[in-house]
Amino acid sequence: MYNRKPVEVPEEADTSVWACTNEGCNGWMRADFSFVEEPECPLCRSAMSMEVRQLPIVVNLSRRPVLQS
């Protein structure tokens, strides 16, 4: 009926994430956005373990190397 544009599906890739080890918590974060080498869960303060998930590609601009002129 209406001329809608098709919805673009974002490109996904294998992404390293930190996932909470607490069974009752769903907390996780991308490894690229972590400030420490072994973070604790920001929701429940439990330990986190490294996993790989299929997630949309996001570029972390704050981690880019600084170009020197």
N, C-alpha and C. Protein backbone atom coordinates (compact mmCIF):
# COMPACT_ATOMS: atom_id res chain seq x y z
N MET A 1 0.81 -1.18 0.00
CA MET A 1 0.00 0.00 0.00
C MET A 1 0.86 1.25 0.00
N TYR A 2 1.81 1.33 0.92
CA TYR A 2 2.72 2.47 0.96
C TYR A 2 4.06 2.05 0.40
N ASN A 3 4.76 3.00 -0.16
CA ASN A 3 6.06 2.71 -0.74
C ASN A 3 7.13 2.84 0.34
N ARG A 4 7.29 1.80 1.14
CA ARG A 4 8.28 1.82 2.21
C ARG A 4 9.62 1.34 1.71
N LYS A 5 10.67 1.94 2.25
CA LYS A 5 12.01 1.48 1.93
C LYS A 5 12.27 0.19 2.69
N PRO A 6 12.99 -0.73 2.08
CA PRO A 6 13.32 -1.96 2.82
C PRO A 6 14.25 -1.64 4.00
N VAL A 7 14.03 -2.32 5.10
CA VAL A 7 14.84 -2.11 6.29
C VAL A 7 16.19 -2.78 6.09
N GLU A 8 17.26 -2.00 6.31
CA GLU A 8 18.61 -2.55 6.17
C GLU A 8 18.98 -3.32 7.43
N VAL A 9 19.45 -4.53 7.24
CA VAL A 9 19.91 -5.34 8.36
C VAL A 9 21.38 -5.01 8.58
N PRO A 10 21.76 -4.60 9.80
CA PRO A 10 23.17 -4.26 10.03
C PRO A 10 24.07 -5.48 9.87
N GLU A 11 25.27 -5.24 9.36
CA GLU A 11 26.24 -6.32 9.18
C GLU A 11 26.71 -6.80 10.55
N GLU A 12 26.76 -8.13 10.73
CA GLU A 12 27.19 -8.70 12.00
C GLU A 12 28.52 -9.42 11.84
N ALA A 13 29.25 -9.51 12.94
CA ALA A 13 30.54 -10.19 12.95
C ALA A 13 30.75 -10.84 14.31
N ASP A 14 31.66 -11.82 14.36
CA ASP A 14 32.04 -12.41 15.64
C ASP A 14 32.71 -11.33 16.47
N THR A 15 32.20 -11.11 17.68
CA THR A 15 32.68 -10.04 18.54
C THR A 15 33.03 -10.59 19.91
N SER A 16 34.19 -10.25 20.42
CA SER A 16 34.58 -10.66 21.77
C SER A 16 33.82 -9.82 22.79
N VAL A 17 33.20 -10.50 23.75
CA VAL A 17 32.46 -9.81 24.80
C VAL A 17 32.82 -10.40 26.16
N TRP A 18 32.63 -9.60 27.20
CA TRP A 18 32.72 -10.07 28.57
C TRP A 18 31.29 -10.35 29.01
N ALA A 19 31.02 -11.56 29.52
CA ALA A 19 29.68 -11.94 29.97
C ALA A 19 29.74 -12.27 31.46
N CYS A 20 28.70 -11.89 32.18
CA CYS A 20 28.63 -12.14 33.62
C CYS A 20 28.53 -13.64 33.89
N THR A 21 29.24 -14.12 34.90
CA THR A 21 29.22 -15.54 35.25
C THR A 21 28.08 -15.89 36.20
N ASN A 22 27.38 -14.89 36.73
CA ASN A 22 26.25 -15.12 37.63
C ASN A 22 25.05 -15.60 36.81
N GLU A 23 24.48 -16.75 37.17
CA GLU A 23 23.36 -17.34 36.42
C GLU A 23 22.15 -16.40 36.33
N GLY A 24 21.89 -15.62 37.35
CA GLY A 24 20.72 -14.76 37.37
C GLY A 24 20.92 -13.40 36.73
N CYS A 25 22.09 -13.14 36.18
CA CYS A 25 22.40 -11.83 35.60
C CYS A 25 22.64 -11.96 34.10
N ASN A 26 22.12 -11.03 33.33
CA ASN A 26 22.31 -11.03 31.88
C ASN A 26 23.33 -9.99 31.43
N GLY A 27 24.16 -9.51 32.34
CA GLY A 27 25.12 -8.45 32.01
C GLY A 27 26.21 -8.92 31.06
N TRP A 28 26.56 -8.05 30.10
CA TRP A 28 27.66 -8.31 29.17
C TRP A 28 28.11 -6.98 28.59
N MET A 29 29.34 -6.95 28.08
CA MET A 29 29.84 -5.75 27.40
C MET A 29 30.85 -6.16 26.34
N ARG A 30 30.94 -5.36 25.30
CA ARG A 30 31.94 -5.63 24.27
C ARG A 30 33.33 -5.45 24.87
N ALA A 31 34.24 -6.33 24.50
CA ALA A 31 35.61 -6.25 25.02
C ALA A 31 36.28 -4.94 24.60
N ASP A 32 35.95 -4.43 23.41
CA ASP A 32 36.52 -3.17 22.93
C ASP A 32 36.13 -1.97 23.79
N PHE A 33 35.03 -2.08 24.52
CA PHE A 33 34.54 -0.96 25.31
C PHE A 33 34.83 -1.12 26.80
N SER A 34 35.66 -2.09 27.15
CA SER A 34 36.03 -2.31 28.54
C SER A 34 37.25 -1.46 28.88
N PHE A 35 37.27 -0.91 30.09
CA PHE A 35 38.38 -0.05 30.51
C PHE A 35 39.47 -0.82 31.25
N VAL A 36 39.17 -2.04 31.70
CA VAL A 36 40.14 -2.84 32.44
C VAL A 36 40.30 -4.19 31.77
N GLU A 37 41.39 -4.89 32.07
CA GLU A 37 41.66 -6.17 31.42
C GLU A 37 40.69 -7.26 31.82
N GLU A 38 40.27 -7.30 33.08
CA GLU A 38 39.29 -8.28 33.56
C GLU A 38 38.23 -7.54 34.36
N PRO A 39 37.16 -7.08 33.69
CA PRO A 39 36.15 -6.28 34.38
C PRO A 39 35.25 -7.12 35.28
N GLU A 40 34.57 -6.44 36.21
CA GLU A 40 33.53 -7.08 36.99
C GLU A 40 32.20 -6.58 36.44
N CYS A 41 31.16 -7.37 36.64
CA CYS A 41 29.85 -7.03 36.09
C CYS A 41 29.36 -5.71 36.68
N PRO A 42 28.98 -4.75 35.85
CA PRO A 42 28.50 -3.47 36.37
C PRO A 42 27.12 -3.57 37.02
N LEU A 43 26.40 -4.68 36.77
CA LEU A 43 25.07 -4.84 37.33
C LEU A 43 25.07 -5.52 38.69
N CYS A 44 25.86 -6.61 38.83
CA CYS A 44 25.83 -7.39 40.07
C CYS A 44 27.19 -7.55 40.73
N ARG A 45 28.24 -7.00 40.14
CA ARG A 45 29.61 -7.04 40.67
C ARG A 45 30.22 -8.44 40.71
N SER A 46 29.70 -9.38 39.91
CA SER A 46 30.29 -10.72 39.81
C SER A 46 31.42 -10.71 38.80
N ALA A 47 32.17 -11.80 38.76
CA ALA A 47 33.25 -11.94 37.77
C ALA A 47 32.64 -12.08 36.38
N MET A 48 33.43 -11.76 35.37
CA MET A 48 32.98 -11.89 33.98
C MET A 48 33.96 -12.79 33.24
N SER A 49 33.45 -13.49 32.22
CA SER A 49 34.30 -14.36 31.40
C SER A 49 34.17 -13.94 29.95
N MET A 50 35.22 -14.22 29.17
CA MET A 50 35.26 -13.84 27.76
C MET A 50 34.43 -14.82 26.93
N GLU A 51 33.62 -14.28 26.00
CA GLU A 51 32.81 -15.06 25.07
C GLU A 51 32.90 -14.42 23.70
N VAL A 52 32.40 -15.13 22.69
CA VAL A 52 32.29 -14.58 21.34
C VAL A 52 30.82 -14.65 20.94
N ARG A 53 30.28 -13.52 20.46
CA ARG A 53 28.88 -13.45 20.04
C ARG A 53 28.79 -12.81 18.66
N GLN A 54 27.72 -13.13 17.94
CA GLN A 54 27.42 -12.49 16.67
C GLN A 54 26.68 -11.19 16.98
N LEU A 55 27.33 -10.05 16.75
CA LEU A 55 26.74 -8.75 17.05
C LEU A 55 26.93 -7.80 15.88
N PRO A 56 26.06 -6.78 15.77
CA PRO A 56 26.27 -5.76 14.74
C PRO A 56 27.62 -5.08 14.95
N ILE A 57 28.26 -4.72 13.86
CA ILE A 57 29.58 -4.10 13.92
C ILE A 57 29.45 -2.67 14.45
N VAL A 58 30.24 -2.37 15.48
CA VAL A 58 30.30 -1.03 16.07
C VAL A 58 31.77 -0.66 16.18
N VAL A 59 32.12 0.53 15.72
CA VAL A 59 33.51 0.98 15.78
C VAL A 59 33.70 1.83 17.03
N ASN A 60 34.70 1.50 17.82
CA ASN A 60 35.03 2.25 19.02
C ASN A 60 36.03 3.34 18.64
N LEU A 61 35.56 4.54 18.45
CA LEU A 61 36.42 5.63 18.00
C LEU A 61 37.40 6.09 19.07
N SER A 62 37.12 5.84 20.32
CA SER A 62 38.03 6.28 21.38
C SER A 62 39.28 5.41 21.46
N ARG A 63 39.29 4.25 20.82
CA ARG A 63 40.45 3.37 20.85
C ARG A 63 41.31 3.48 19.59
N ARG A 64 40.97 4.37 18.69
CA ARG A 64 41.75 4.52 17.46
C ARG A 64 43.12 5.09 17.78
N PRO A 65 44.15 4.65 17.08
CA PRO A 65 45.47 5.24 17.30
C PRO A 65 45.50 6.69 16.85
N VAL A 66 46.23 7.50 17.57
CA VAL A 66 46.36 8.92 17.24
C VAL A 66 47.37 9.07 16.11
N LEU A 67 46.96 9.75 15.05
CA LEU A 67 47.86 9.98 13.92
C LEU A 67 48.78 11.14 14.24
N GLN A 68 50.06 10.94 14.04
CA GLN A 68 51.03 12.00 14.29
C GLN A 68 51.40 12.66 12.97
N SER A 69 51.46 13.99 12.98
CA SER A 69 51.80 14.69 11.73
C SER A 69 53.22 15.18 11.72
